[in-house]
Amino acid sequence: FLSTEDASARGNYGLLDQILALKWVKNNIMAFGGNASDVTIFGNSAGGACVGLHLISPMSRGKR
């Protein structure tokens, strides 16, 4: 999940995978009786850290 935007730490693309999963949920949640504008994410330990990163990441805007 760390990226220094140079060759020393190119980044872990786990957050991008999670963003893609959230986009899928948003596009398909109605088929499961859900509301696309009312999705909650949560996590424990590293998962909780990911939630925090989504809160501050510009890439996650519009997907939360």
N, C-alpha and C. Protein backbone atom coordinates (compact mmCIF):
# COMPACT_ATOMS: atom_id res chain seq x y z
N PHE A 1 0.81 -1.19 0.00
CA PHE A 1 0.00 0.00 0.00
C PHE A 1 0.85 1.25 0.00
N LEU A 2 2.13 1.09 0.28
CA LEU A 2 3.04 2.23 0.31
C LEU A 2 3.57 2.52 -1.08
N SER A 3 3.56 3.75 -1.47
CA SER A 3 4.18 4.17 -2.72
C SER A 3 4.85 5.50 -2.51
N THR A 4 6.12 5.57 -2.89
CA THR A 4 6.85 6.83 -2.84
C THR A 4 6.86 7.49 -4.22
N GLU A 5 6.16 6.89 -5.18
CA GLU A 5 6.06 7.38 -6.54
C GLU A 5 7.42 7.46 -7.23
N ASP A 6 8.34 6.61 -6.81
CA ASP A 6 9.62 6.46 -7.50
C ASP A 6 10.03 5.00 -7.41
N ALA A 7 11.22 4.68 -7.86
CA ALA A 7 11.65 3.28 -7.92
C ALA A 7 11.90 2.65 -6.55
N SER A 8 12.03 3.45 -5.49
CA SER A 8 12.34 2.86 -4.19
C SER A 8 11.17 2.12 -3.57
N ALA A 9 9.96 2.56 -3.81
CA ALA A 9 8.76 1.86 -3.31
C ALA A 9 7.62 2.13 -4.29
N ARG A 10 7.49 1.25 -5.26
CA ARG A 10 6.52 1.47 -6.34
C ARG A 10 5.07 1.35 -5.89
N GLY A 11 4.82 0.64 -4.83
CA GLY A 11 3.46 0.55 -4.32
C GLY A 11 2.87 -0.84 -4.40
N ASN A 12 1.99 -1.10 -3.49
CA ASN A 12 1.24 -2.35 -3.45
C ASN A 12 -0.14 -2.01 -3.98
N TYR A 13 -0.61 -2.74 -4.95
CA TYR A 13 -1.85 -2.38 -5.61
C TYR A 13 -3.08 -2.99 -4.96
N GLY A 14 -2.96 -3.37 -3.71
CA GLY A 14 -4.09 -3.92 -2.97
C GLY A 14 -5.26 -2.96 -2.88
N LEU A 15 -4.97 -1.67 -2.66
CA LEU A 15 -6.05 -0.70 -2.58
C LEU A 15 -6.79 -0.58 -3.91
N LEU A 16 -6.05 -0.66 -5.01
CA LEU A 16 -6.72 -0.61 -6.32
C LEU A 16 -7.63 -1.80 -6.51
N ASP A 17 -7.21 -2.97 -6.04
CA ASP A 17 -8.08 -4.15 -6.09
C ASP A 17 -9.33 -3.93 -5.26
N GLN A 18 -9.18 -3.34 -4.09
CA GLN A 18 -10.33 -3.08 -3.22
C GLN A 18 -11.26 -2.05 -3.85
N ILE A 19 -10.70 -1.04 -4.50
CA ILE A 19 -11.53 -0.03 -5.17
C ILE A 19 -12.33 -0.68 -6.29
N LEU A 20 -11.71 -1.58 -7.04
CA LEU A 20 -12.42 -2.30 -8.09
C LEU A 20 -13.55 -3.15 -7.51
N ALA A 21 -13.30 -3.78 -6.37
CA ALA A 21 -14.34 -4.58 -5.71
C ALA A 21 -15.49 -3.69 -5.25
N LEU A 22 -15.18 -2.51 -4.71
CA LEU A 22 -16.24 -1.58 -4.28
C LEU A 22 -17.05 -1.09 -5.47
N LYS A 23 -16.38 -0.87 -6.60
CA LYS A 23 -17.10 -0.46 -7.81
C LYS A 23 -18.06 -1.57 -8.25
N TRP A 24 -17.59 -2.83 -8.17
CA TRP A 24 -18.46 -3.96 -8.53
C TRP A 24 -19.67 -4.00 -7.60
N VAL A 25 -19.45 -3.82 -6.31
CA VAL A 25 -20.56 -3.82 -5.35
C VAL A 25 -21.55 -2.72 -5.71
N LYS A 26 -21.04 -1.52 -5.97
CA LYS A 26 -21.91 -0.39 -6.31
C LYS A 26 -22.76 -0.70 -7.54
N ASN A 27 -22.15 -1.35 -8.54
CA ASN A 27 -22.86 -1.64 -9.78
C ASN A 27 -23.82 -2.83 -9.67
N ASN A 28 -23.64 -3.69 -8.69
CA ASN A 28 -24.43 -4.93 -8.61
C ASN A 28 -25.25 -5.10 -7.34
N ILE A 29 -25.16 -4.18 -6.41
CA ILE A 29 -25.80 -4.37 -5.10
C ILE A 29 -27.33 -4.45 -5.20
N MET A 30 -27.91 -3.78 -6.18
CA MET A 30 -29.37 -3.82 -6.30
C MET A 30 -29.87 -5.24 -6.56
N ALA A 31 -29.07 -6.05 -7.24
CA ALA A 31 -29.46 -7.44 -7.51
C ALA A 31 -29.55 -8.26 -6.23
N PHE A 32 -28.94 -7.76 -5.16
CA PHE A 32 -28.96 -8.45 -3.87
C PHE A 32 -29.87 -7.74 -2.87
N GLY A 33 -30.66 -6.78 -3.35
CA GLY A 33 -31.59 -6.06 -2.49
C GLY A 33 -30.95 -4.94 -1.71
N GLY A 34 -29.77 -4.51 -2.11
CA GLY A 34 -29.06 -3.45 -1.39
C GLY A 34 -29.22 -2.09 -2.03
N ASN A 35 -28.63 -1.10 -1.40
CA ASN A 35 -28.69 0.28 -1.83
C ASN A 35 -27.27 0.75 -2.16
N ALA A 36 -27.02 1.14 -3.40
CA ALA A 36 -25.68 1.52 -3.84
C ALA A 36 -25.13 2.73 -3.11
N SER A 37 -26.00 3.56 -2.55
CA SER A 37 -25.52 4.75 -1.84
C SER A 37 -25.38 4.51 -0.34
N ASP A 38 -25.54 3.26 0.09
CA ASP A 38 -25.48 2.95 1.52
C ASP A 38 -24.66 1.68 1.75
N VAL A 39 -23.37 1.74 1.40
CA VAL A 39 -22.45 0.61 1.56
C VAL A 39 -21.47 0.96 2.67
N THR A 40 -21.28 0.04 3.59
CA THR A 40 -20.34 0.24 4.70
C THR A 40 -19.17 -0.71 4.55
N ILE A 41 -17.96 -0.18 4.72
CA ILE A 41 -16.78 -1.04 4.74
C ILE A 41 -16.19 -0.98 6.14
N PHE A 42 -15.60 -2.09 6.56
CA PHE A 42 -14.97 -2.14 7.87
C PHE A 42 -13.85 -3.15 7.82
N GLY A 43 -13.01 -3.13 8.81
CA GLY A 43 -11.92 -4.09 8.86
C GLY A 43 -11.30 -4.13 10.24
N ASN A 44 -10.53 -5.17 10.47
CA ASN A 44 -9.82 -5.37 11.73
C ASN A 44 -8.34 -5.45 11.41
N SER A 45 -7.52 -4.85 12.20
CA SER A 45 -6.07 -4.88 12.03
C SER A 45 -5.71 -4.25 10.68
N ALA A 46 -5.08 -5.00 9.79
CA ALA A 46 -4.69 -4.44 8.48
C ALA A 46 -5.92 -4.00 7.69
N GLY A 47 -7.03 -4.71 7.85
CA GLY A 47 -8.26 -4.32 7.17
C GLY A 47 -8.76 -2.97 7.65
N GLY A 48 -8.62 -2.71 8.95
CA GLY A 48 -8.99 -1.41 9.50
C GLY A 48 -8.10 -0.31 8.94
N ALA A 49 -6.82 -0.62 8.78
CA ALA A 49 -5.90 0.35 8.18
C ALA A 49 -6.32 0.65 6.75
N CYS A 50 -6.76 -0.37 6.02
CA CYS A 50 -7.22 -0.16 4.65
C CYS A 50 -8.43 0.77 4.61
N VAL A 51 -9.35 0.60 5.53
CA VAL A 51 -10.52 1.48 5.60
C VAL A 51 -10.05 2.92 5.78
N GLY A 52 -9.11 3.13 6.69
CA GLY A 52 -8.57 4.47 6.91
C GLY A 52 -7.92 5.03 5.66
N LEU A 53 -7.19 4.20 4.93
CA LEU A 53 -6.56 4.65 3.70
C LEU A 53 -7.59 5.01 2.64
N HIS A 54 -8.70 4.27 2.58
CA HIS A 54 -9.76 4.63 1.64
C HIS A 54 -10.38 5.97 2.00
N LEU A 55 -10.47 6.26 3.28
CA LEU A 55 -11.05 7.54 3.70
C LEU A 55 -10.22 8.73 3.25
N ILE A 56 -8.91 8.56 3.15
CA ILE A 56 -8.05 9.69 2.78
C ILE A 56 -7.57 9.63 1.34
N SER A 57 -7.83 8.54 0.64
CA SER A 57 -7.33 8.39 -0.73
C SER A 57 -8.25 9.07 -1.74
N PRO A 58 -7.69 9.95 -2.57
CA PRO A 58 -8.51 10.56 -3.63
C PRO A 58 -9.04 9.52 -4.62
N MET A 59 -8.34 8.39 -4.76
CA MET A 59 -8.80 7.35 -5.68
C MET A 59 -10.10 6.70 -5.20
N SER A 60 -10.38 6.77 -3.92
CA SER A 60 -11.58 6.14 -3.37
C SER A 60 -12.78 7.07 -3.39
N ARG A 61 -12.58 8.32 -3.71
CA ARG A 61 -13.69 9.27 -3.72
C ARG A 61 -14.72 8.85 -4.76
N GLY A 62 -15.99 8.96 -4.39
CA GLY A 62 -17.06 8.57 -5.29
C GLY A 62 -17.36 7.09 -5.25
N LYS A 63 -16.52 6.33 -4.58
CA LYS A 63 -16.73 4.90 -4.44
C LYS A 63 -17.15 4.56 -3.03
N ARG A 64 -17.13 5.54 -2.13
CA ARG A 64 -17.51 5.27 -0.76
C ARG A 64 -18.90 5.76 -0.49
